[in-house]
Amino acid sequence: DRLGVARLFRAQQVAGAAGTALFIALYTLTSVRLSGEGAGDQLALSGGVHTAFLWGAIISLVAIIGAFFVPKPVSEFGPPAMEGAPANH
């Protein structure tokens, strides 16, 4: 139904925005921290990028592992027939 598709699309948009905000926050916080500790601009910026992508990889790995635990939907028509088996009528 169209309402379900709209909700899914909205959830994807919100999750994408939240992920982008998290990446920018991690990048900025790490860069500022490293710069305050006396690191040069290039080192501070690369440290921020490293931290952001490291956490992105960790979150992605958790999501991939979690996907294996999502139950399969039950068909309203019952289990699929085995190949070569007579059909029940």
N, C-alpha and C. Protein backbone atom coordinates (compact mmCIF):
# COMPACT_ATOMS: atom_id res chain seq x y z
N ASP A 1 0.82 -1.17 0.00
CA ASP A 1 0.00 0.00 0.00
C ASP A 1 0.87 1.25 0.00
N ARG A 2 0.28 2.34 -0.43
CA ARG A 2 1.06 3.57 -0.60
C ARG A 2 1.47 4.20 0.72
N LEU A 3 0.68 4.00 1.77
CA LEU A 3 1.03 4.58 3.06
C LEU A 3 2.30 3.91 3.61
N GLY A 4 2.40 2.59 3.44
CA GLY A 4 3.59 1.89 3.89
C GLY A 4 4.83 2.32 3.14
N VAL A 5 4.70 2.53 1.84
CA VAL A 5 5.83 2.99 1.03
C VAL A 5 6.27 4.38 1.47
N ALA A 6 5.30 5.25 1.74
CA ALA A 6 5.62 6.61 2.19
C ALA A 6 6.34 6.60 3.53
N ARG A 7 5.88 5.72 4.44
CA ARG A 7 6.54 5.63 5.75
C ARG A 7 7.97 5.10 5.61
N LEU A 8 8.15 4.12 4.76
CA LEU A 8 9.49 3.58 4.54
C LEU A 8 10.41 4.64 3.95
N PHE A 9 9.91 5.39 2.97
CA PHE A 9 10.71 6.44 2.35
C PHE A 9 11.09 7.51 3.37
N ARG A 10 10.12 7.89 4.22
CA ARG A 10 10.40 8.90 5.25
C ARG A 10 11.44 8.38 6.24
N ALA A 11 11.32 7.12 6.64
CA ALA A 11 12.30 6.55 7.58
C ALA A 11 13.70 6.51 6.96
N GLN A 12 13.79 6.21 5.67
CA GLN A 12 15.08 6.21 5.00
C GLN A 12 15.69 7.61 4.97
N GLN A 13 14.86 8.61 4.71
CA GLN A 13 15.35 9.98 4.67
C GLN A 13 15.84 10.45 6.04
N VAL A 14 15.08 10.14 7.08
CA VAL A 14 15.46 10.54 8.44
C VAL A 14 16.73 9.81 8.87
N ALA A 15 16.83 8.53 8.57
CA ALA A 15 18.03 7.77 8.93
C ALA A 15 19.25 8.29 8.19
N GLY A 16 19.09 8.63 6.93
CA GLY A 16 20.20 9.20 6.17
C GLY A 16 20.66 10.53 6.73
N ALA A 17 19.71 11.37 7.12
CA ALA A 17 20.06 12.66 7.71
C ALA A 17 20.74 12.48 9.07
N ALA A 18 20.25 11.54 9.86
CA ALA A 18 20.86 11.29 11.17
C ALA A 18 22.28 10.74 11.01
N GLY A 19 22.46 9.86 10.04
CA GLY A 19 23.80 9.31 9.79
C GLY A 19 24.77 10.38 9.34
N THR A 20 24.32 11.27 8.46
CA THR A 20 25.17 12.37 8.01
C THR A 20 25.52 13.29 9.17
N ALA A 21 24.56 13.60 10.01
CA ALA A 21 24.82 14.46 11.17
C ALA A 21 25.82 13.80 12.12
N LEU A 22 25.69 12.49 12.31
CA LEU A 22 26.63 11.78 13.18
C LEU A 22 28.05 11.82 12.60
N PHE A 23 28.17 11.60 11.29
CA PHE A 23 29.49 11.66 10.65
C PHE A 23 30.13 13.04 10.83
N ILE A 24 29.36 14.09 10.59
CA ILE A 24 29.89 15.45 10.71
C ILE A 24 30.26 15.76 12.15
N ALA A 25 29.45 15.32 13.10
CA ALA A 25 29.74 15.57 14.51
C ALA A 25 31.03 14.87 14.93
N LEU A 26 31.17 13.60 14.56
CA LEU A 26 32.40 12.87 14.91
C LEU A 26 33.63 13.50 14.26
N TYR A 27 33.48 13.87 13.01
CA TYR A 27 34.58 14.51 12.27
C TYR A 27 35.00 15.80 12.95
N THR A 28 34.01 16.63 13.30
CA THR A 28 34.30 17.93 13.89
C THR A 28 34.90 17.78 15.29
N LEU A 29 34.29 16.95 16.12
CA LEU A 29 34.79 16.79 17.50
C LEU A 29 36.21 16.27 17.52
N THR A 30 36.51 15.29 16.68
CA THR A 30 37.86 14.73 16.66
C THR A 30 38.86 15.73 16.11
N SER A 31 38.48 16.44 15.06
CA SER A 31 39.38 17.44 14.49
C SER A 31 39.70 18.55 15.49
N VAL A 32 38.69 19.03 16.20
CA VAL A 32 38.89 20.09 17.20
C VAL A 32 39.76 19.58 18.34
N ARG A 33 39.48 18.34 18.78
CA ARG A 33 40.28 17.78 19.89
C ARG A 33 41.75 17.65 19.49
N LEU A 34 42.00 17.10 18.30
CA LEU A 34 43.38 16.93 17.86
C LEU A 34 44.07 18.27 17.63
N SER A 35 43.33 19.23 17.11
CA SER A 35 43.91 20.56 16.89
C SER A 35 44.25 21.21 18.23
N GLY A 36 43.40 21.02 19.23
CA GLY A 36 43.67 21.56 20.56
C GLY A 36 44.85 20.90 21.24
N GLU A 37 45.14 19.65 20.85
CA GLU A 37 46.29 18.94 21.43
C GLU A 37 47.58 19.29 20.71
N GLY A 38 47.51 20.20 19.74
CA GLY A 38 48.73 20.66 19.06
C GLY A 38 49.01 19.99 17.73
N ALA A 39 48.10 19.17 17.24
CA ALA A 39 48.32 18.54 15.93
C ALA A 39 48.15 19.59 14.84
N GLY A 40 48.84 19.40 13.74
CA GLY A 40 48.71 20.31 12.61
C GLY A 40 47.34 20.17 11.97
N ASP A 41 47.02 21.12 11.11
CA ASP A 41 45.70 21.11 10.46
C ASP A 41 45.45 19.82 9.67
N GLN A 42 46.44 19.41 8.90
CA GLN A 42 46.27 18.22 8.06
C GLN A 42 46.07 16.97 8.92
N LEU A 43 46.83 16.84 9.97
CA LEU A 43 46.71 15.68 10.86
C LEU A 43 45.37 15.70 11.61
N ALA A 44 44.95 16.88 12.05
CA ALA A 44 43.67 16.99 12.76
C ALA A 44 42.51 16.63 11.85
N LEU A 45 42.52 17.13 10.62
CA LEU A 45 41.44 16.83 9.68
C LEU A 45 41.42 15.36 9.29
N SER A 46 42.59 14.79 9.04
CA SER A 46 42.62 13.37 8.67
C SER A 46 42.21 12.49 9.85
N GLY A 47 42.52 12.91 11.06
CA GLY A 47 42.07 12.18 12.24
C GLY A 47 40.56 12.20 12.38
N GLY A 48 39.96 13.35 12.06
CA GLY A 48 38.50 13.45 12.10
C GLY A 48 37.84 12.56 11.06
N VAL A 49 38.39 12.54 9.86
CA VAL A 49 37.85 11.68 8.80
C VAL A 49 37.99 10.21 9.21
N HIS A 50 39.14 9.85 9.76
CA HIS A 50 39.38 8.47 10.18
C HIS A 50 38.36 8.04 11.24
N THR A 51 38.13 8.88 12.23
CA THR A 51 37.17 8.55 13.30
C THR A 51 35.76 8.40 12.75
N ALA A 52 35.35 9.32 11.87
CA ALA A 52 33.99 9.27 11.32
C ALA A 52 33.78 7.98 10.52
N PHE A 53 34.73 7.64 9.66
CA PHE A 53 34.56 6.43 8.85
C PHE A 53 34.73 5.15 9.66
N LEU A 54 35.54 5.18 10.70
CA LEU A 54 35.67 4.02 11.58
C LEU A 54 34.33 3.72 12.26
N TRP A 55 33.69 4.75 12.81
CA TRP A 55 32.39 4.54 13.45
C TRP A 55 31.31 4.17 12.44
N GLY A 56 31.42 4.70 11.22
CA GLY A 56 30.48 4.31 10.17
C GLY A 56 30.62 2.83 9.84
N ALA A 57 31.85 2.35 9.79
CA ALA A 57 32.09 0.93 9.52
C ALA A 57 31.56 0.05 10.66
N ILE A 58 31.75 0.48 11.89
CA ILE A 58 31.27 -0.29 13.04
C ILE A 58 29.75 -0.37 13.03
N ILE A 59 29.09 0.75 12.79
CA ILE A 59 27.62 0.77 12.74
C ILE A 59 27.12 -0.10 11.59
N SER A 60 27.78 -0.04 10.44
CA SER A 60 27.38 -0.87 9.30
C SER A 60 27.53 -2.35 9.61
N LEU A 61 28.61 -2.71 10.28
CA LEU A 61 28.84 -4.11 10.63
C LEU A 61 27.75 -4.62 11.58
N VAL A 62 27.38 -3.79 12.55
CA VAL A 62 26.29 -4.18 13.46
C VAL A 62 24.98 -4.36 12.68
N ALA A 63 24.71 -3.47 11.73
CA ALA A 63 23.48 -3.58 10.94
C ALA A 63 23.49 -4.84 10.06
N ILE A 64 24.62 -5.16 9.49
CA ILE A 64 24.72 -6.36 8.65
C ILE A 64 24.50 -7.62 9.49
N ILE A 65 25.11 -7.67 10.65
CA ILE A 65 24.93 -8.83 11.52
C ILE A 65 23.47 -8.91 11.99
N GLY A 66 22.88 -7.77 12.33
CA GLY A 66 21.49 -7.74 12.77
C GLY A 66 20.52 -8.18 11.68
N ALA A 67 20.88 -7.98 10.42
CA ALA A 67 20.00 -8.37 9.32
C ALA A 67 19.79 -9.88 9.26
N PHE A 68 20.74 -10.64 9.75
CA PHE A 68 20.59 -12.09 9.75
C PHE A 68 19.56 -12.57 10.77
N PHE A 69 19.18 -11.71 11.71
CA PHE A 69 18.22 -12.09 12.74
C PHE A 69 16.81 -11.58 12.46
N VAL A 70 16.60 -10.96 11.31
CA VAL A 70 15.26 -10.50 10.94
C VAL A 70 14.48 -11.72 10.44
N PRO A 71 13.32 -11.98 11.02
CA PRO A 71 12.56 -13.16 10.59
C PRO A 71 12.01 -12.99 9.18
N LYS A 72 11.90 -14.13 8.48
CA LYS A 72 11.34 -14.11 7.13
C LYS A 72 9.83 -13.98 7.24
N PRO A 73 9.22 -13.22 6.33
CA PRO A 73 7.75 -13.09 6.39
C PRO A 73 7.07 -14.40 6.01
N VAL A 74 5.95 -14.65 6.63
CA VAL A 74 5.18 -15.87 6.35
C VAL A 74 4.25 -15.57 5.18
N SER A 75 4.26 -16.45 4.21
CA SER A 75 3.40 -16.27 3.05
C SER A 75 1.96 -16.61 3.43
N GLU A 76 1.01 -15.83 2.90
CA GLU A 76 -0.39 -16.12 3.18
C GLU A 76 -0.88 -17.34 2.41
N PHE A 77 -0.07 -17.82 1.47
CA PHE A 77 -0.45 -18.97 0.67
C PHE A 77 0.18 -20.26 1.15
N GLY A 78 0.88 -20.23 2.26
CA GLY A 78 1.51 -21.43 2.79
C GLY A 78 2.92 -21.61 2.25
N PRO A 79 3.58 -22.67 2.67
CA PRO A 79 4.96 -22.90 2.23
C PRO A 79 4.99 -23.26 0.75
N PRO A 80 6.10 -22.97 0.08
CA PRO A 80 6.20 -23.31 -1.35
C PRO A 80 6.21 -24.82 -1.54
N ALA A 81 5.61 -25.27 -2.65
CA ALA A 81 5.57 -26.70 -2.95
C ALA A 81 6.96 -27.20 -3.33
N MET A 82 7.25 -28.43 -2.95
CA MET A 82 8.53 -29.03 -3.31
C MET A 82 8.49 -29.41 -4.78
N GLU A 83 9.62 -29.34 -5.42
CA GLU A 83 9.70 -29.66 -6.83
C GLU A 83 9.39 -31.15 -7.06
N GLY A 84 8.51 -31.44 -7.99
CA GLY A 84 8.16 -32.81 -8.29
C GLY A 84 7.06 -33.37 -7.42
N ALA A 85 6.64 -32.63 -6.40
CA ALA A 85 5.58 -33.11 -5.51
C ALA A 85 4.22 -32.82 -6.13
N PRO A 86 3.25 -33.70 -5.90
CA PRO A 86 1.91 -33.42 -6.46
C PRO A 86 1.28 -32.21 -5.75
N ALA A 87 0.54 -31.42 -6.49
CA ALA A 87 -0.11 -30.25 -5.93
C ALA A 87 -1.35 -30.68 -5.15
N ASN A 88 -1.59 -30.04 -4.02
CA ASN A 88 -2.80 -30.32 -3.21
C ASN A 88 -3.95 -29.47 -3.73
N HIS A 89 -5.04 -30.12 -4.09
CA HIS A 89 -6.21 -29.39 -4.59
C HIS A 89 -7.37 -29.67 -3.71
